[in-house]
């Protein structure tokens, strides 16, 4: 029965860590530009092949 309390405490610590990491990433701008990474490959210039 004591292991349930230990596991509950450990899961709360891990969840709190993920919440802090998420809040930190939002505040530092990790999720500012959600359009261009998905479409970057469509708009890249083609490189010239030198070895033709």
Protein backbone atom coordinates (compact mmCIF):
# COMPACT_ATOMS: atom_id res chain seq x y z
CA UNK A 1 0.00 0.00 0.00
CA UNK A 2 2.93 2.33 0.63
CA UNK A 3 4.10 1.92 -2.97
CA UNK A 4 0.91 3.58 -4.24
CA UNK A 5 1.74 6.71 -2.26
CA UNK A 6 5.31 6.70 -3.59
CA UNK A 7 4.13 6.22 -7.18
CA UNK A 8 1.50 8.91 -6.80
CA UNK A 9 4.09 11.34 -5.48
CA UNK A 10 6.53 10.47 -8.25
CA UNK A 11 3.87 10.92 -10.95
CA UNK A 12 2.91 14.31 -9.54
CA UNK A 13 6.54 15.42 -9.58
CA UNK A 14 6.93 14.30 -13.21
CA UNK A 15 3.67 16.01 -14.21
CA UNK A 16 4.75 19.21 -12.49
CA UNK A 17 8.07 19.05 -14.34
CA UNK A 18 6.32 18.72 -17.69
CA UNK A 19 3.98 21.60 -16.81
CA UNK A 20 6.93 23.83 -15.90
CA UNK A 21 8.72 22.87 -19.13
CA UNK A 22 5.61 23.66 -21.17
CA UNK A 23 5.08 27.04 -19.53
CA UNK A 24 8.76 27.90 -19.99
CA UNK A 25 8.65 26.95 -23.69
CA UNK A 26 5.55 29.07 -24.30
CA UNK A 27 7.07 32.08 -22.55
CA UNK A 28 10.33 31.81 -24.52
CA UNK A 29 8.53 31.68 -27.87
CA UNK A 30 8.89 28.05 -28.90
CA UNK A 31 5.33 28.00 -30.26
CA UNK A 32 5.28 31.42 -31.93
CA UNK A 33 5.64 30.29 -35.55
CA UNK A 34 3.58 27.19 -36.20
CA UNK A 35 3.05 27.76 -39.93
CA UNK A 36 6.47 27.94 -41.54
CA UNK A 37 8.15 24.78 -40.19
CA UNK A 38 5.48 22.60 -41.76
CA UNK A 39 5.60 24.43 -45.09
CA UNK A 40 9.30 25.29 -45.25
CA UNK A 41 10.09 22.40 -47.58
CA UNK A 42 7.51 23.64 -50.09
CA UNK A 43 9.08 27.09 -50.35
CA UNK A 44 12.80 26.23 -50.35
CA UNK A 45 14.82 27.10 -53.43
CA UNK A 46 16.21 24.21 -55.38
CA UNK A 47 19.98 23.89 -55.29
CA UNK A 48 21.92 23.61 -58.51
CA UNK A 49 23.49 20.24 -59.12
CA UNK A 50 27.17 20.88 -59.84
CA UNK A 51 28.02 17.30 -60.81
CA UNK A 52 25.82 17.08 -63.90
